[in-house]
Amino acid sequence: MPIIRPNQLTEIHDSDVYHKVKHGERLDYLAEIYYNDASLWWVIAKANSLLFCYDLVTDQQLRIPLDILVFST
């Protein structure tokens, strides 16, 4: 189960969290926050149809899936 720190959350919907990107944040950083594993950055990229891990824009809303088993196949 992912580690979720409530002060990092924007909104929770079903099994997803929505995170508003802050300046300088990267997918590996967000994966470390939400999953306690930076190597799972690709789950966030796939959930948001990001082609490159550096495609983040300040104030962009990202979907952070909490059920990461769906993305492991």
Protein backbone atom coordinates (compact mmCIF):
# COMPACT_ATOMS: atom_id res chain seq x y z
CA MET A 1 0.00 0.00 0.00
CA PRO A 2 1.40 3.43 -0.91
CA ILE A 3 2.44 5.88 1.77
CA ILE A 4 0.35 9.04 1.46
CA ARG A 5 1.14 12.17 3.35
CA PRO A 6 -2.09 14.21 3.64
CA ASN A 7 -0.34 17.57 3.36
CA GLN A 8 0.82 16.56 -0.14
CA LEU A 9 -2.65 15.76 -1.48
CA THR A 10 -4.79 18.00 -3.58
CA GLU A 11 -7.86 15.80 -3.95
CA ILE A 12 -8.77 12.14 -3.57
CA HIS A 13 -11.22 10.46 -6.00
CA ASP A 14 -11.92 6.75 -5.73
CA SER A 15 -8.51 5.10 -5.89
CA ASP A 16 -6.66 8.11 -7.30
CA VAL A 17 -5.03 11.19 -5.84
CA TYR A 18 -4.74 14.41 -7.82
CA HIS A 19 -1.57 16.40 -7.28
CA LYS A 20 -0.94 19.98 -8.40
CA VAL A 21 2.66 20.22 -9.64
CA LYS A 22 4.91 22.72 -7.90
CA HIS A 23 7.92 24.34 -9.56
CA GLY A 24 10.84 21.94 -9.80
CA GLU A 25 8.95 18.74 -8.98
CA ARG A 26 9.84 15.62 -10.93
CA LEU A 27 8.07 12.31 -11.42
CA ASP A 28 10.65 10.39 -9.41
CA TYR A 29 10.17 12.81 -6.50
CA LEU A 30 6.38 12.38 -6.65
CA ALA A 31 6.72 8.59 -6.83
CA GLU A 32 8.89 8.70 -3.72
CA ILE A 33 6.24 10.78 -1.90
CA TYR A 34 3.20 8.74 -2.91
CA TYR A 35 4.68 5.23 -3.29
CA ASN A 36 7.81 5.46 -1.15
CA ASP A 37 9.69 4.25 -4.25
CA ALA A 38 11.17 6.71 -6.77
CA SER A 39 11.56 3.95 -9.36
CA LEU A 40 7.77 3.89 -9.82
CA TRP A 41 7.82 7.27 -11.60
CA TRP A 42 6.66 5.51 -14.78
CA VAL A 43 3.28 4.67 -13.15
CA ILE A 44 2.51 8.39 -12.84
CA ALA A 45 3.81 9.03 -16.37
CA LYS A 46 1.62 6.29 -17.83
CA ALA A 47 -1.47 7.41 -15.89
CA ASN A 48 -1.09 10.91 -17.30
CA SER A 49 -0.02 9.97 -20.85
CA LEU A 50 3.33 11.71 -20.42
CA LEU A 51 5.85 10.76 -23.08
CA PHE A 52 8.86 12.13 -21.25
CA CYS A 53 9.53 12.23 -17.53
CA TYR A 54 10.39 15.94 -17.78
CA ASP A 55 7.02 16.98 -19.26
CA LEU A 56 5.76 18.46 -15.97
CA VAL A 57 4.47 22.02 -15.91
CA THR A 58 3.95 24.11 -12.78
CA ASP A 59 0.27 24.02 -11.68
CA GLN A 60 -0.41 20.97 -13.88
CA GLN A 61 -2.84 18.53 -12.27
CA LEU A 62 -1.53 14.95 -12.22
CA ARG A 63 -3.48 11.81 -11.51
CA ILE A 64 -1.63 9.62 -9.03
CA PRO A 65 -3.14 6.12 -9.12
CA LEU A 66 -3.17 4.46 -5.73
CA ASP A 67 -3.91 1.03 -7.18
CA ILE A 68 -0.55 0.57 -8.89
CA LEU A 69 -1.18 -3.11 -9.56
CA VAL A 70 -3.32 -2.04 -12.52
CA PHE A 71 -0.21 -0.53 -14.15
CA SER A 72 2.10 -3.45 -13.55
CA THR A 73 0.74 -5.50 -16.43
